[in-house]
Amino acid sequence: MFEELEVELRTATDAILNSPAAKKVVVAGPGTGKTYLFRKILERFDDQDTLVLTFINNLKNDLERDLGELAHVFTFHGYCRHLLHKHPSLRLGLSDHFEYFPPLVLLVKRDWEILKGTEAPPFDGLMRDLVLPDITNFYLERADYYDAVSFDDSVFRVYNRLIESPDQIEKYTMLLVDEYQDFNQLEVSFIDLLATRSPTLIAGDDDQALYSMRNSSAQHIRDAHLSSDYESFAHEFGRRDEARLDA
C-alpha cells in the first residue's frame, strides 16, 4: 500500500515539476505530500534565491525546520518587516530603527478614542480587507508617531508602497505559498503582487479553512483553482489516515 502511494505521489509531483506554467495552484490538504513537493521544487535551485511564505509562526517554524536550508521562510509580517528594514523607500514615516510592537493596534485604538471621542474602528479588519479611507491613514500616522509596526499594518504598509513603486518588488527564482485557504484579501493581493515578478506556486485546501476570524476566505483558493491565470493540480491522495508521506 505504501509503495503504491509513493509511486502516486512521485507521479503527481513530477507533473507539477514539469509544468512550464509560471503560476500554479495545488489543492493539497494535510498528509498529502506538500512538504515532499516543496522540497523537490526547491532542490532544483542551488542559489537559495527562493521564498516560502505562510501566515502564522507555528506553520513558519515547521516549514523552516523542513525547508530552511533550501529557502528563505517567512510569515507575511516577518517578510514585510524584513523589507522595511532593507528598503528605506518603503518606510516613509518610520525610522530605520523602528520597533516591532504587536499590541500597537490597541494603542492606536486608544488614541482614536481620546482624540476623536468615539469608539475606535476595527483597524486590523479594515486593513485585512484592503480598505483605504482616512481611518486607516490615521492608523499609519499614529504608527509613524510611535515608530512601530505590528502584524497586519506591516503588510498593509508594504503592500501599498509596492503598489506605488512596483520596481521595489523583489524577484525570486521561486515563490512557494502554503495554507492559501486561510488568507485574507490583503494577503492574497500581496501574493498577486509578488507573483508579477516571480514564478509562484500556491498550495492549500478549501476544506481545511480555519481562520475566518482573520477576514480570511477559502473562496480565494477556489477562485485561483478556476482562474485561467493558474494551472491547477490536485494533490489529494494519501491522506494522513492512510500514510504520512510528507514526513
C-alpha atoms as a PDB file:
ATOM      1  CA  MET A   1       0.000   0.000   0.000  1.00  0.00           C
ATOM      2  CA  PHE A   2       2.746   2.430   0.949  1.00  0.00           C
ATOM      3  CA  GLU A   3       4.722   1.685  -2.228  1.00  0.00           C
ATOM      4  CA  GLU A   4       1.647   2.379  -4.374  1.00  0.00           C
ATOM      5  CA  LEU A   5       1.057   5.693  -2.621  1.00  0.00           C
ATOM      6  CA  GLU A   6       4.713   6.616  -3.016  1.00  0.00           C
ATOM      7  CA  VAL A   7       4.566   5.988  -6.775  1.00  0.00           C
ATOM      8  CA  GLU A   8       1.361   8.018  -6.997  1.00  0.00           C
ATOM      9  CA  LEU A   9       2.979  10.856  -5.039  1.00  0.00           C
ATOM     10  CA  ARG A  10       6.028  10.903  -7.301  1.00  0.00           C
ATOM     11  CA  THR A  11       3.877  10.858 -10.431  1.00  0.00           C
ATOM     12  CA  ALA A  12       1.768  13.782  -9.203  1.00  0.00           C
ATOM     13  CA  THR A  13       4.879  15.678  -8.108  1.00  0.00           C
ATOM     14  CA  ASP A  14       6.580  15.148 -11.478  1.00  0.00           C
ATOM     15  CA  ALA A  15       3.532  16.576 -13.270  1.00  0.00           C
ATOM     16  CA  ILE A  16       3.826  19.754 -11.217  1.00  0.00           C
ATOM     17  CA  LEU A  17       7.594  19.977 -11.568  1.00  0.00           C
ATOM     18  CA  ASN A  18       7.460  19.518 -15.333  1.00  0.00           C
ATOM     19  CA  SER A  19       4.732  22.080 -15.922  1.00  0.00           C
ATOM     20  CA  PRO A  20       6.037  25.247 -17.628  1.00  0.00           C
ATOM     21  CA  ALA A  21       3.272  27.407 -16.094  1.00  0.00           C
ATOM     22  CA  ALA A  22       4.591  30.441 -14.204  1.00  0.00           C
ATOM     23  CA  LYS A  23       1.680  30.319 -11.755  1.00  0.00           C
ATOM     24  CA  LYS A  24       0.402  27.098 -10.233  1.00  0.00           C
ATOM     25  CA  VAL A  25      -2.183  26.220  -7.594  1.00  0.00           C
ATOM     26  CA  VAL A  26      -2.010  22.886  -5.799  1.00  0.00           C
ATOM     27  CA  VAL A  27      -5.051  21.673  -3.870  1.00  0.00           C
ATOM     28  CA  ALA A  28      -3.467  19.637  -1.074  1.00  0.00           C
ATOM     29  CA  GLY A  29      -4.506  19.023   2.499  1.00  0.00           C
ATOM     30  CA  PRO A  30      -2.621  17.572   5.495  1.00  0.00           C
ATOM     31  CA  GLY A  31      -0.712  14.366   4.852  1.00  0.00           C
ATOM     32  CA  THR A  32      -0.768  14.636   1.063  1.00  0.00           C
ATOM     33  CA  GLY A  33       2.926  15.208   0.488  1.00  0.00           C
ATOM     34  CA  LYS A  34       3.139  19.002   0.336  1.00  0.00           C
ATOM     35  CA  THR A  35       6.483  19.108   2.125  1.00  0.00           C
ATOM     36  CA  TYR A  36       7.843  16.455  -0.252  1.00  0.00           C
ATOM     37  CA  LEU A  37       6.579  18.548  -3.185  1.00  0.00           C
ATOM     38  CA  PHE A  38       8.065  21.781  -1.824  1.00  0.00           C
ATOM     39  CA  ARG A  39      11.416  20.093  -1.228  1.00  0.00           C
ATOM     40  CA  LYS A  40      11.548  18.654  -4.745  1.00  0.00           C
ATOM     41  CA  ILE A  41      10.778  22.078  -6.202  1.00  0.00           C
ATOM     42  CA  LEU A  42      13.377  23.855  -4.080  1.00  0.00           C
ATOM     43  CA  GLU A  43      16.055  21.268  -4.776  1.00  0.00           C
ATOM     44  CA  ARG A  44      16.012  22.423  -8.383  1.00  0.00           C
ATOM     45  CA  PHE A  45      17.596  25.708  -7.343  1.00  0.00           C
ATOM     46  CA  ASP A  46      21.066  25.936  -5.879  1.00  0.00           C
ATOM     47  CA  ASP A  47      21.223  29.680  -5.195  1.00  0.00           C
ATOM     48  CA  GLN A  48      18.633  29.741  -2.374  1.00  0.00           C
ATOM     49  CA  ASP A  49      17.057  32.784  -4.029  1.00  0.00           C
ATOM     50  CA  THR A  50      13.698  31.255  -3.195  1.00  0.00           C
ATOM     51  CA  LEU A  51      10.959  32.378  -0.831  1.00  0.00           C
ATOM     52  CA  VAL A  52       8.397  30.410   1.183  1.00  0.00           C
ATOM     53  CA  LEU A  53       5.509  32.297   2.822  1.00  0.00           C
ATOM     54  CA  THR A  54       2.799  31.288   5.257  1.00  0.00           C
ATOM     55  CA  PHE A  55       0.724  33.245   7.749  1.00  0.00           C
ATOM     56  CA  ILE A  56       1.379  32.179  11.364  1.00  0.00           C
ATOM     57  CA  ASN A  57       4.581  31.486  13.269  1.00  0.00           C
ATOM     58  CA  ASN A  58       3.810  27.838  14.092  1.00  0.00           C
ATOM     59  CA  LEU A  59       3.495  26.979  10.401  1.00  0.00           C
ATOM     60  CA  LYS A  60       6.536  29.071   9.587  1.00  0.00           C
ATOM     61  CA  ASN A  61       8.585  27.203  12.188  1.00  0.00           C
ATOM     62  CA  ASP A  62       7.555  23.835  10.713  1.00  0.00           C
ATOM     63  CA  LEU A  63       8.449  24.943   7.196  1.00  0.00           C
ATOM     64  CA  GLU A  64      11.738  26.434   8.329  1.00  0.00           C
ATOM     65  CA  ARG A  65      12.649  23.183  10.071  1.00  0.00           C
ATOM     66  CA  ASP A  66      11.886  21.147   6.950  1.00  0.00           C
ATOM     67  CA  LEU A  67      12.957  23.548   4.200  1.00  0.00           C
ATOM     68  CA  GLY A  68      15.076  26.262   5.799  1.00  0.00           C
ATOM     69  CA  GLU A  69      18.320  25.066   4.230  1.00  0.00           C
ATOM     70  CA  LEU A  70      16.754  25.450   0.776  1.00  0.00           C
ATOM     71  CA  ALA A  71      14.804  28.713   1.016  1.00  0.00           C
ATOM     72  CA  HIS A  72      14.074  31.883   2.959  1.00  0.00           C
ATOM     73  CA  VAL A  73      10.983  31.145   5.072  1.00  0.00           C
ATOM     74  CA  PHE A  74       8.793  33.924   6.463  1.00  0.00           C
ATOM     75  CA  THR A  75       5.357  34.785   7.737  1.00  0.00           C
ATOM     76  CA  PHE A  76       3.765  37.721   5.930  1.00  0.00           C
ATOM     77  CA  HIS A  77       4.513  40.190   8.707  1.00  0.00           C
ATOM     78  CA  GLY A  78       8.037  38.812   9.151  1.00  0.00           C
ATOM     79  CA  TYR A  79       8.742  39.211   5.449  1.00  0.00           C
ATOM     80  CA  CYS A  80       7.348  42.737   5.406  1.00  0.00           C
ATOM     81  CA  ARG A  81       9.431  43.758   8.423  1.00  0.00           C
ATOM     82  CA  HIS A  82      12.445  42.342   6.567  1.00  0.00           C
ATOM     83  CA  LEU A  83      11.601  44.520   3.545  1.00  0.00           C
ATOM     84  CA  LEU A  84      11.045  47.602   5.702  1.00  0.00           C
ATOM     85  CA  HIS A  85      14.483  47.199   7.244  1.00  0.00           C
ATOM     86  CA  LYS A  86      16.069  46.517   3.850  1.00  0.00           C
ATOM     87  CA  HIS A  87      14.464  49.286   1.770  1.00  0.00           C
ATOM     88  CA  PRO A  88      14.310  52.828   3.220  1.00  0.00           C
ATOM     89  CA  SER A  89      11.914  53.870   0.446  1.00  0.00           C
ATOM     90  CA  LEU A  90       9.258  51.534   1.895  1.00  0.00           C
ATOM     91  CA  ARG A  91       9.440  53.004   5.402  1.00  0.00           C
ATOM     92  CA  LEU A  92       8.219  56.552   4.704  1.00  0.00           C
ATOM     93  CA  GLY A  93       7.410  57.874   8.209  1.00  0.00           C
ATOM     94  CA  LEU A  94       9.274  55.123  10.051  1.00  0.00           C
ATOM     95  CA  SER A  95      12.893  55.454  11.100  1.00  0.00           C
ATOM     96  CA  ASP A  96      15.449  52.771  10.297  1.00  0.00           C
ATOM     97  CA  HIS A  97      15.278  51.754  13.980  1.00  0.00           C
ATOM     98  CA  PHE A  98      11.505  51.223  14.087  1.00  0.00           C
ATOM     99  CA  GLU A  99      10.167  48.815  16.710  1.00  0.00           C
ATOM    100  CA  TYR A 100       8.109  45.668  16.314  1.00  0.00           C
ATOM    101  CA  PHE A 101       5.259  46.097  18.815  1.00  0.00           C
ATOM    102  CA  PRO A 102       2.411  43.525  18.468  1.00  0.00           C
ATOM    103  CA  PRO A 103      -0.103  45.441  20.710  1.00  0.00           C
ATOM    104  CA  LEU A 104       0.229  48.549  18.516  1.00  0.00           C
ATOM    105  CA  VAL A 105      -3.363  48.280  17.279  1.00  0.00           C
ATOM    106  CA  LEU A 106      -4.661  48.565  20.856  1.00  0.00           C
ATOM    107  CA  LEU A 107      -2.565  51.661  21.446  1.00  0.00           C
ATOM    108  CA  VAL A 108      -3.811  53.340  18.257  1.00  0.00           C
ATOM    109  CA  LYS A 109      -7.415  52.476  19.118  1.00  0.00           C
ATOM    110  CA  ARG A 110      -6.945  54.215  22.459  1.00  0.00           C
ATOM    111  CA  ASP A 111      -5.525  57.246  20.660  1.00  0.00           C
ATOM    112  CA  TRP A 112      -8.584  57.366  18.410  1.00  0.00           C
ATOM    113  CA  GLU A 113     -10.954  57.251  21.370  1.00  0.00           C
ATOM    114  CA  ILE A 114      -9.080  60.072  23.105  1.00  0.00           C
ATOM    115  CA  LEU A 115      -8.672  62.283  20.025  1.00  0.00           C
ATOM    116  CA  LYS A 116     -11.974  61.544  18.281  1.00  0.00           C
ATOM    117  CA  GLY A 117     -14.211  60.893  21.271  1.00  0.00           C
ATOM    118  CA  THR A 118     -15.826  57.882  19.570  1.00  0.00           C
ATOM    119  CA  GLU A 119     -15.381  54.131  19.594  1.00  0.00           C
ATOM    120  CA  ALA A 120     -12.327  53.100  17.593  1.00  0.00           C
ATOM    121  CA  PRO A 121     -12.908  51.359  14.259  1.00  0.00           C
ATOM    122  CA  PRO A 122     -11.635  47.806  13.623  1.00  0.00           C
ATOM    123  CA  PHE A 123      -8.322  48.892  12.145  1.00  0.00           C
ATOM    124  CA  ASP A 124      -6.939  45.392  11.654  1.00  0.00           C
ATOM    125  CA  GLY A 125     -10.097  44.200   9.868  1.00  0.00           C
ATOM    126  CA  LEU A 126     -10.126  47.230   7.591  1.00  0.00           C
ATOM    127  CA  MET A 127      -6.515  46.622   6.613  1.00  0.00           C
ATOM    128  CA  ARG A 128      -7.165  42.923   6.015  1.00  0.00           C
ATOM    129  CA  ASP A 129      -9.976  43.914   3.652  1.00  0.00           C
ATOM    130  CA  LEU A 130      -7.749  46.498   1.932  1.00  0.00           C
ATOM    131  CA  VAL A 131      -9.940  49.428   2.927  1.00  0.00           C
ATOM    132  CA  LEU A 132      -8.174  52.743   2.299  1.00  0.00           C
ATOM    133  CA  PRO A 133     -10.198  55.502   3.999  1.00  0.00           C
ATOM    134  CA  ASP A 134      -8.982  58.246   6.299  1.00  0.00           C
ATOM    135  CA  ILE A 135      -9.264  55.943   9.295  1.00  0.00           C
ATOM    136  CA  THR A 136      -6.503  53.639   8.020  1.00  0.00           C
ATOM    137  CA  ASN A 137      -4.421  56.731   7.290  1.00  0.00           C
ATOM    138  CA  PHE A 138      -4.963  57.714  10.932  1.00  0.00           C
ATOM    139  CA  TYR A 139      -3.588  54.351  11.979  1.00  0.00           C
ATOM    140  CA  LEU A 140      -0.461  54.648   9.841  1.00  0.00           C
ATOM    141  CA  GLU A 141       0.174  58.216  11.034  1.00  0.00           C
ATOM    142  CA  ARG A 142      -0.005  57.085  14.663  1.00  0.00           C
ATOM    143  CA  ALA A 143       2.246  54.116  13.875  1.00  0.00           C
ATOM    144  CA  ASP A 144       4.737  56.574  12.386  1.00  0.00           C
ATOM    145  CA  TYR A 145       4.494  58.652  15.553  1.00  0.00           C
ATOM    146  CA  TYR A 146       5.308  55.613  17.702  1.00  0.00           C
ATOM    147  CA  ASP A 147       7.893  54.448  15.135  1.00  0.00           C
ATOM    148  CA  ALA A 148       6.479  50.936  15.334  1.00  0.00           C
ATOM    149  CA  VAL A 149       4.756  48.218  13.319  1.00  0.00           C
ATOM    150  CA  SER A 150       2.628  45.215  14.206  1.00  0.00           C
ATOM    151  CA  PHE A 151       1.119  42.312  12.232  1.00  0.00           C
ATOM    152  CA  ASP A 152      -1.428  43.415   9.647  1.00  0.00           C
ATOM    153  CA  ASP A 153      -0.236  47.009   9.422  1.00  0.00           C
ATOM    154  CA  SER A 154       3.283  45.946   8.374  1.00  0.00           C
ATOM    155  CA  VAL A 155       1.814  44.010   5.418  1.00  0.00           C
ATOM    156  CA  PHE A 156      -0.676  46.791   4.639  1.00  0.00           C
ATOM    157  CA  ARG A 157       2.072  49.403   4.696  1.00  0.00           C
ATOM    158  CA  VAL A 158       4.455  47.472   2.431  1.00  0.00           C
ATOM    159  CA  TYR A 159       1.712  46.396   0.024  1.00  0.00           C
ATOM    160  CA  ASN A 160       0.594  49.960  -0.584  1.00  0.00           C
ATOM    161  CA  ARG A 161       4.155  51.187  -1.066  1.00  0.00           C
ATOM    162  CA  LEU A 162       4.843  48.401  -3.578  1.00  0.00           C
ATOM    163  CA  ILE A 163       1.676  49.282  -5.486  1.00  0.00           C
ATOM    164  CA  GLU A 164       3.051  52.808  -5.811  1.00  0.00           C
ATOM    165  CA  SER A 165       6.619  51.640  -6.574  1.00  0.00           C
ATOM    166  CA  PRO A 166       6.459  48.230  -8.304  1.00  0.00           C
ATOM    167  CA  ASP A 167      10.164  48.421  -9.119  1.00  0.00           C
ATOM    168  CA  GLN A 168      10.715  47.654  -5.417  1.00  0.00           C
ATOM    169  CA  ILE A 169       9.037  44.220  -5.703  1.00  0.00           C
ATOM    170  CA  GLU A 170      11.748  41.644  -5.147  1.00  0.00           C
ATOM    171  CA  LYS A 171      12.289  38.877  -7.676  1.00  0.00           C
ATOM    172  CA  TYR A 172      12.822  35.211  -6.740  1.00  0.00           C
ATOM    173  CA  THR A 173      13.616  32.107  -8.711  1.00  0.00           C
ATOM    174  CA  MET A 174      10.579  30.555  -6.993  1.00  0.00           C
ATOM    175  CA  LEU A 175       7.877  31.701  -4.581  1.00  0.00           C
ATOM    176  CA  LEU A 176       6.060  28.971  -2.625  1.00  0.00           C
ATOM    177  CA  VAL A 177       2.986  29.836  -0.573  1.00  0.00           C
ATOM    178  CA  ASP A 178       1.368  27.469   1.934  1.00  0.00           C
ATOM    179  CA  GLU A 179      -2.102  27.349   3.539  1.00  0.00           C
ATOM    180  CA  TYR A 180      -3.613  29.710   0.973  1.00  0.00           C
ATOM    181  CA  GLN A 181      -7.144  28.824   2.101  1.00  0.00           C
ATOM    182  CA  ASP A 182      -6.594  30.851   5.288  1.00  0.00           C
ATOM    183  CA  PHE A 183      -5.507  34.083   3.590  1.00  0.00           C
ATOM    184  CA  ASN A 184      -7.438  37.331   3.655  1.00  0.00           C
ATOM    185  CA  GLN A 185      -7.792  39.881   0.850  1.00  0.00           C
ATOM    186  CA  LEU A 186      -4.668  41.796   1.864  1.00  0.00           C
ATOM    187  CA  GLU A 187      -2.520  38.653   1.864  1.00  0.00           C
ATOM    188  CA  VAL A 188      -3.960  37.361  -1.414  1.00  0.00           C
ATOM    189  CA  SER A 189      -3.368  40.728  -3.061  1.00  0.00           C
ATOM    190  CA  PHE A 190       0.163  40.805  -1.684  1.00  0.00           C
ATOM    191  CA  ILE A 191       0.889  37.387  -3.234  1.00  0.00           C
ATOM    192  CA  ASP A 192      -0.600  38.571  -6.540  1.00  0.00           C
ATOM    193  CA  LEU A 193       1.824  41.480  -6.443  1.00  0.00           C
ATOM    194  CA  LEU A 194       4.857  39.272  -5.747  1.00  0.00           C
ATOM    195  CA  ALA A 195       3.750  36.903  -8.498  1.00  0.00           C
ATOM    196  CA  THR A 196       4.187  39.654 -11.086  1.00  0.00           C
ATOM    197  CA  ARG A 197       7.965  39.223 -10.646  1.00  0.00           C
ATOM    198  CA  SER A 198       8.449  35.568  -9.635  1.00  0.00           C
ATOM    199  CA  PRO A 199       7.259  32.082 -10.638  1.00  0.00           C
ATOM    200  CA  THR A 200       4.687  31.203  -7.989  1.00  0.00           C
ATOM    201  CA  LEU A 201       3.095  28.085  -6.565  1.00  0.00           C
ATOM    202  CA  ILE A 202       0.300  28.367  -4.018  1.00  0.00           C
ATOM    203  CA  ALA A 203      -0.949  25.394  -2.026  1.00  0.00           C
ATOM    204  CA  GLY A 204      -3.905  24.827   0.243  1.00  0.00           C
ATOM    205  CA  ASP A 205      -7.193  23.034   0.749  1.00  0.00           C
ATOM    206  CA  ASP A 206     -10.519  24.820   0.985  1.00  0.00           C
ATOM    207  CA  ASP A 207     -11.819  22.007   3.224  1.00  0.00           C
ATOM    208  CA  GLN A 208      -9.168  22.932   5.811  1.00  0.00           C
ATOM    209  CA  ALA A 209     -10.063  26.631   6.231  1.00  0.00           C
ATOM    210  CA  LEU A 210      -9.784  27.539   9.930  1.00  0.00           C
ATOM    211  CA  TYR A 211      -9.173  31.254  10.341  1.00  0.00           C
ATOM    212  CA  SER A 212     -12.277  33.144   9.189  1.00  0.00           C
ATOM    213  CA  MET A 213     -11.847  35.455  12.202  1.00  0.00           C
ATOM    214  CA  ARG A 214      -8.858  36.933  10.324  1.00  0.00           C
ATOM    215  CA  ASN A 215     -11.182  38.007   7.479  1.00  0.00           C
ATOM    216  CA  SER A 216      -9.799  35.049   5.539  1.00  0.00           C
ATOM    217  CA  SER A 217     -11.845  33.163   2.962  1.00  0.00           C
ATOM    218  CA  ALA A 218     -11.442  29.780   1.285  1.00  0.00           C
ATOM    219  CA  GLN A 219     -13.025  31.387  -1.767  1.00  0.00           C
ATOM    220  CA  HIS A 220      -9.609  32.779  -2.689  1.00  0.00           C
ATOM    221  CA  ILE A 221      -8.140  29.345  -3.373  1.00  0.00           C
ATOM    222  CA  ARG A 222     -11.308  28.290  -5.184  1.00  0.00           C
ATOM    223  CA  ASP A 223     -11.021  31.344  -7.404  1.00  0.00           C
ATOM    224  CA  ALA A 224      -7.364  30.562  -8.129  1.00  0.00           C
ATOM    225  CA  HIS A 225      -8.298  26.963  -8.945  1.00  0.00           C
ATOM    226  CA  LEU A 226     -10.817  28.201 -11.527  1.00  0.00           C
ATOM    227  CA  SER A 227      -8.700  31.067 -12.846  1.00  0.00           C
ATOM    228  CA  SER A 228      -7.037  30.915 -16.231  1.00  0.00           C
ATOM    229  CA  ASP A 229      -4.039  32.651 -14.614  1.00  0.00           C
ATOM    230  CA  TYR A 230      -3.121  29.488 -12.692  1.00  0.00           C
ATOM    231  CA  GLU A 231      -2.544  25.917 -13.777  1.00  0.00           C
ATOM    232  CA  SER A 232      -4.357  23.794 -11.224  1.00  0.00           C
ATOM    233  CA  PHE A 233      -3.256  20.467  -9.737  1.00  0.00           C
ATOM    234  CA  ALA A 234      -4.950  18.124  -7.266  1.00  0.00           C
ATOM    235  CA  HIS A 235      -2.670  16.547  -4.670  1.00  0.00           C
ATOM    236  CA  GLU A 236      -5.341  14.860  -2.569  1.00  0.00           C
ATOM    237  CA  PHE A 237      -4.275  11.248  -2.239  1.00  0.00           C
ATOM    238  CA  GLY A 238      -2.547   9.573   0.696  1.00  0.00           C
ATOM    239  CA  ARG A 239      -4.445  11.359   3.473  1.00  0.00           C
ATOM    240  CA  ARG A 240      -2.932  11.282   6.940  1.00  0.00           C
ATOM    241  CA  ASP A 241      -5.077   8.313   7.983  1.00  0.00           C
ATOM    242  CA  GLU A 242      -3.564   6.221   5.166  1.00  0.00           C
ATOM    243  CA  ALA A 243       0.100   7.240   5.144  1.00  0.00           C
ATOM    244  CA  ARG A 244       2.238  10.113   6.272  1.00  0.00           C
ATOM    245  CA  LEU A 245       4.250  10.728   3.090  1.00  0.00           C
ATOM    246  CA  ASP A 246       5.391  14.275   3.787  1.00  0.00           C
ATOM    247  CA  ALA A 247       7.292  13.407   6.972  1.00  0.00           C
END
